[in-house]
Every structure is written in structure tokens, then in C-alpha cells.
Amino acid sequence: MILLSINGCCDGAIYADFWRNADIQSCFAKIRTVAGVNSEIRKPIDRVANTARLDLLYDTFMEFIEGICSKNETIACEDLFEMYNPAFEIANETIHSLTAGEKKELDKWVQDGNYDAEKKFFLELYNDLSISEQQKLRQAFTDIFNLFSGSSLKGYMNNFLQGLNYDDQNKLKKLGEEDDQSGIKKIVSSKAKNNDLSDHEVKDLEKFLFWAFSGSGKAR
């Protein structure tokens, strides 16, 4: 992962509020945890991080936010991204300005998984932008990934995961590989009795664990 340096956000107080927002923390931590065990989730996030592709960041994160996170968490993350909309617009305009030859070359790097060439290409494009535009891009990229890497799960979810033993994890992995969501629900329901969880927390855990262990990464 690369982090482009800049001195904080456009408004430090607003950014601090986002950093303290429990819903954003929880949502990002869910995605980060899922990415740690599900390579299909990890690969696109790694690509964004390793290529400085801010134009891909919004769509990549929002796909996982809408799939893994709760409604309130999704709304909080949408508010976060809205603050960086000017940066996303600059990144998208940069993509739209590519020539046919540049697009063809970029497609080849993507197909080959050549992150280094892709990153070098985009950093050179960004260097042609105005200083103000470059700052907006660096700021958005750094702030969002700092939030992502520093996020933490809510207590009930962290406690539940810590309570899973080796056999539990193997069962969940097997059920996930079979896309057996009902089986995962049974394990969560069984263990929820000992964790004093609300119905909302149980459903949250079911969806989270299915994304974490399912080969498809999609909860039905």
C-alpha cells in the first residue's frame, strides 16, 4: 500500500469527526477484516492502493460498503466520500482525457497485473495537474486510506470473532466455500446465545461472515 503525503484534510475538524464516527470505523474495519481472509475482496483494494488509482477508489469501496456494511454505516461512508467529491471528479476527468493509445496501453497493464507501470503512468498524469488539483488528489487518497487502515470493529463483533475457535473457523470456511448462508446463520445463532446480541447485531454478523468466508463474496 502506498500513502501519498499531505498535511491533513481540507478541514481538520471535519476530518476528526469522520475519524471518530463509529459507523465509518466499523464499516471500514469490516471490509479490512474481510479482505484479510477473502482474496477476491483484497485484490481490487490492493490494486487501488498500489496504483494510486483514485478514479477506482469510490466504486471499489462503495461496492463493498453496500454489500458488507449496515444501512447507517453506508450512509456515513457516503457522507465521507461526498467531502472528497472534487478529488474524484478530477481523477475521473483525467481518465476521460486519455487517448486511444493510452487506453490500450493501460488495458494491457491491467490484464498483465502490472501495478508498477500503472502507478507510474498515473502519477505522471497527476504531475501535469495544477498544484491545487494534486493536493486534492493526495488529500483524498491519504485521508481515506488512513481511515481504512486505522479502523476498528465494534466491540460486539470483535468479541464474537475472538470467541471463534479453530473448529468454528474451519466450519465457516467450508460453509462459505459451499455458499451455504443458512449454515453460517446457524453457527451465528448458536453462538449468539452466549454473547447477548440483539437481532440487528446477529444479522450484521451473518452478513459479515458470509462475505468473509464465501467464495462468491455475495450475501443473498
Protein backbone atom coordinates (compact mmCIF):
# COMPACT_ATOMS: atom_id res chain seq x y z
CA MET A 1 0.00 0.00 0.00
CA ILE A 2 1.26 3.47 -0.81
CA LEU A 3 0.19 6.58 1.04
CA LEU A 4 0.79 9.93 -0.63
CA SER A 5 1.77 12.57 1.91
CA ILE A 6 -0.15 15.76 2.62
CA ASN A 7 -0.70 17.84 5.72
CA GLY A 8 -4.14 16.74 6.81
CA CYS A 9 -7.59 17.33 5.36
CA CYS A 10 -9.23 20.42 3.91
CA ASP A 11 -10.94 20.90 7.27
CA GLY A 12 -9.19 19.20 10.18
CA ALA A 13 -12.24 19.43 12.44
CA ILE A 14 -14.50 17.73 9.90
CA TYR A 15 -11.92 15.00 9.26
CA ALA A 16 -11.59 14.42 13.02
CA ASP A 17 -15.35 13.95 13.21
CA PHE A 18 -15.18 11.32 10.49
CA TRP A 19 -12.29 9.61 12.31
CA ARG A 20 -14.40 9.42 15.47
CA ASN A 21 -17.51 8.25 13.60
CA ALA A 22 -18.27 4.74 14.91
CA ASP A 23 -20.20 3.75 11.78
CA ILE A 24 -17.33 4.63 9.42
CA GLN A 25 -14.85 2.92 11.72
CA SER A 26 -16.99 -0.21 11.86
CA CYS A 27 -17.68 -0.33 8.13
CA PHE A 28 -14.06 0.15 7.09
CA ALA A 29 -12.92 -2.37 9.70
CA LYS A 30 -15.40 -4.94 8.37
CA ILE A 31 -14.08 -4.51 4.83
CA ARG A 32 -10.45 -4.61 6.01
CA THR A 33 -11.10 -7.77 8.04
CA VAL A 34 -12.97 -9.46 5.19
CA ALA A 35 -10.15 -8.53 2.80
CA GLY A 36 -7.74 -10.26 5.16
CA VAL A 37 -9.40 -13.65 4.62
CA ASN A 38 -11.06 -13.26 1.20
CA SER A 39 -8.63 -12.67 -1.66
CA GLU A 40 -11.46 -11.71 -4.04
CA ILE A 41 -12.15 -8.70 -1.83
CA ARG A 42 -8.49 -7.95 -1.18
CA LYS A 43 -7.33 -7.85 -4.83
CA PRO A 44 -9.31 -4.79 -6.02
CA ILE A 45 -8.47 -2.86 -2.83
CA ASP A 46 -4.78 -3.70 -3.24
CA ARG A 47 -4.96 -2.51 -6.82
CA VAL A 48 -6.36 0.87 -5.81
CA ALA A 49 -3.78 1.23 -3.04
CA ASN A 50 -0.80 0.13 -5.13
CA THR A 51 -1.59 2.11 -8.27
CA ALA A 52 -2.81 5.42 -6.82
CA ARG A 53 -5.99 4.98 -8.89
CA LEU A 54 -8.28 7.43 -7.15
CA ASP A 55 -10.68 7.08 -10.08
CA LEU A 56 -11.27 3.47 -8.97
CA LEU A 57 -11.41 4.12 -5.23
CA TYR A 58 -15.02 5.27 -4.97
CA ASP A 59 -16.60 2.44 -6.99
CA THR A 60 -14.37 -0.20 -5.40
CA PHE A 61 -15.13 0.84 -1.84
CA MET A 62 -18.82 1.52 -2.42
CA GLU A 63 -19.37 -1.98 -3.83
CA PHE A 64 -18.07 -3.50 -0.60
CA ILE A 65 -19.65 -0.86 1.65
CA GLU A 66 -23.11 -1.53 0.21
CA GLY A 67 -22.61 -5.28 0.43
CA ILE A 68 -20.92 -5.69 3.81
CA CYS A 69 -21.98 -2.71 5.92
CA SER A 70 -25.26 -1.73 7.57
CA LYS A 71 -27.55 1.00 6.25
CA ASN A 72 -26.35 3.56 8.80
CA GLU A 73 -22.72 2.68 8.11
CA THR A 74 -23.29 3.05 4.37
CA ILE A 75 -24.84 6.50 4.83
CA ALA A 76 -21.91 7.61 7.00
CA CYS A 77 -19.39 6.45 4.39
CA GLU A 78 -21.32 8.18 1.61
CA ASP A 79 -21.07 11.41 3.62
CA LEU A 80 -17.32 10.86 3.94
CA PHE A 81 -16.86 10.35 0.21
CA GLU A 82 -19.04 13.36 -0.58
CA MET A 83 -16.45 15.57 1.11
CA TYR A 84 -13.85 14.32 -1.38
CA ASN A 85 -16.08 14.55 -4.45
CA PRO A 86 -13.94 17.32 -6.05
CA ALA A 87 -10.95 14.96 -5.98
CA PHE A 88 -12.95 12.09 -7.50
CA GLU A 89 -14.12 14.42 -10.27
CA ILE A 90 -10.53 15.42 -11.08
CA ALA A 91 -9.46 11.76 -11.21
CA ASN A 92 -12.38 10.85 -13.46
CA GLU A 93 -11.67 13.75 -15.80
CA THR A 94 -8.08 12.54 -16.07
CA ILE A 95 -9.31 9.11 -17.18
CA HIS A 96 -11.72 10.57 -19.71
CA SER A 97 -8.91 12.61 -21.27
CA LEU A 98 -6.80 9.55 -22.17
CA THR A 99 -6.06 8.96 -25.83
CA ALA A 100 -6.99 5.71 -27.56
CA GLY A 101 -3.34 4.66 -27.47
CA GLU A 102 -3.03 5.38 -23.74
CA LYS A 103 -6.22 3.43 -23.02
CA LYS A 104 -4.90 0.45 -24.99
CA GLU A 105 -1.62 0.53 -23.10
CA LEU A 106 -3.44 0.85 -19.78
CA ASP A 107 -5.69 -2.11 -20.61
CA LYS A 108 -2.60 -4.23 -21.26
CA TRP A 109 -1.07 -3.32 -17.89
CA VAL A 110 -4.36 -4.14 -16.17
CA GLN A 111 -4.58 -7.53 -17.89
CA ASP A 112 -0.95 -8.31 -17.01
CA GLY A 113 -1.41 -7.12 -13.42
CA ASN A 114 1.47 -4.68 -13.90
CA TYR A 115 0.75 -2.40 -10.95
CA ASP A 116 4.13 -0.65 -11.17
CA ALA A 117 3.58 0.51 -14.76
CA GLU A 118 0.00 1.51 -13.95
CA LYS A 119 1.09 3.54 -10.91
CA LYS A 120 3.95 5.24 -12.78
CA PHE A 121 1.60 6.19 -15.60
CA PHE A 122 -1.00 7.76 -13.31
CA LEU A 123 1.49 9.58 -11.11
CA GLU A 124 2.93 11.16 -14.26
CA LEU A 125 -0.58 12.18 -15.33
CA TYR A 126 -1.27 13.67 -11.91
CA ASN A 127 2.01 15.61 -12.02
CA ASP A 128 0.69 17.50 -15.04
CA LEU A 129 -2.23 18.82 -12.99
CA SER A 130 -2.20 22.10 -11.09
CA ILE A 131 -0.74 22.13 -7.58
CA SER A 132 -4.24 22.63 -6.15
CA GLU A 133 -5.59 19.63 -8.04
CA GLN A 134 -2.65 17.46 -7.00
CA GLN A 135 -3.25 18.40 -3.37
CA LYS A 136 -6.92 17.43 -3.59
CA LEU A 137 -5.99 14.01 -5.02
CA ARG A 138 -3.28 13.33 -2.43
CA GLN A 139 -5.52 14.52 0.36
CA ALA A 140 -8.43 12.27 -0.59
CA PHE A 141 -6.23 9.24 -1.15
CA THR A 142 -4.26 9.63 2.07
CA ASP A 143 -7.18 10.54 4.33
CA ILE A 144 -9.41 7.69 3.15
CA PHE A 145 -6.71 5.04 3.36
CA ASN A 146 -5.57 6.30 6.77
CA LEU A 147 -9.15 5.91 7.99
CA PHE A 148 -9.30 2.47 6.41
CA SER A 149 -6.03 1.20 7.87
CA GLY A 150 -6.76 2.65 11.32
CA SER A 151 -10.35 1.43 11.60
CA SER A 152 -11.61 -0.86 14.37
CA LEU A 153 -14.57 -3.21 14.70
CA LYS A 154 -17.40 -2.55 17.13
CA GLY A 155 -16.99 -4.34 20.43
CA TYR A 156 -19.68 -7.00 19.97
CA MET A 157 -18.27 -8.07 16.60
CA ASN A 158 -14.69 -8.13 17.81
CA ASN A 159 -15.70 -10.18 20.86
CA PHE A 160 -17.67 -12.61 18.69
CA LEU A 161 -14.74 -13.17 16.33
CA GLN A 162 -12.32 -13.67 19.20
CA GLY A 163 -14.68 -16.33 20.57
CA LEU A 164 -14.44 -18.45 17.41
CA ASN A 165 -12.22 -21.47 17.90
CA TYR A 166 -10.25 -23.36 15.25
CA ASP A 167 -13.13 -25.76 14.53
CA ASP A 168 -15.59 -22.87 14.19
CA GLN A 169 -13.35 -21.17 11.66
CA ASN A 170 -12.95 -24.36 9.63
CA LYS A 171 -16.72 -24.90 9.60
CA LEU A 172 -17.32 -21.33 8.47
CA LYS A 173 -14.71 -21.69 5.75
CA LYS A 174 -16.33 -24.89 4.47
CA LEU A 175 -19.82 -23.37 4.57
CA GLY A 176 -18.55 -20.28 2.78
CA GLU A 177 -16.94 -22.33 0.04
CA GLU A 178 -20.30 -24.05 -0.46
CA ASP A 179 -22.12 -20.68 -0.39
CA ASP A 180 -24.19 -22.11 2.45
CA GLN A 181 -25.59 -18.97 4.04
CA SER A 182 -28.12 -20.90 6.13
CA GLY A 183 -25.30 -22.93 7.68
CA ILE A 184 -23.43 -19.77 8.62
CA LYS A 185 -26.63 -18.37 10.15
CA LYS A 186 -26.95 -21.48 12.33
CA ILE A 187 -23.44 -21.05 13.71
CA VAL A 188 -24.05 -17.37 14.44
CA SER A 189 -27.42 -18.09 16.09
CA SER A 190 -25.89 -20.82 18.23
CA LYS A 191 -23.05 -18.65 19.49
CA ALA A 192 -25.19 -15.51 19.78
CA LYS A 193 -26.96 -17.06 22.77
CA ASN A 194 -23.75 -16.76 24.78
CA ASN A 195 -22.97 -13.22 23.62
CA ASP A 196 -26.20 -11.37 24.48
CA LEU A 197 -26.56 -10.00 20.95
CA SER A 198 -29.50 -8.06 19.55
CA ASP A 199 -31.33 -9.22 16.41
CA HIS A 200 -29.65 -6.41 14.46
CA GLU A 201 -26.20 -7.49 15.65
CA VAL A 202 -26.91 -11.12 14.73
CA LYS A 203 -27.94 -10.17 11.19
CA ASP A 204 -24.90 -7.92 10.92
CA LEU A 205 -22.63 -10.81 11.88
CA GLU A 206 -24.33 -13.21 9.46
CA LYS A 207 -23.76 -10.91 6.51
CA PHE A 208 -20.22 -10.09 7.57
CA LEU A 209 -19.20 -13.74 7.98
CA PHE A 210 -20.73 -14.76 4.67
CA TRP A 211 -18.73 -12.09 2.87
CA ALA A 212 -15.60 -13.13 4.76
CA PHE A 213 -15.81 -16.84 4.03
CA SER A 214 -17.84 -17.11 0.83
CA GLY A 215 -16.01 -17.74 -2.41
CA SER A 216 -18.52 -15.53 -4.19
CA GLY A 217 -18.38 -12.77 -1.59
CA LYS A 218 -22.07 -12.03 -2.10
CA ALA A 219 -24.73 -12.48 0.56
CA ARG A 220 -28.19 -13.42 -0.67
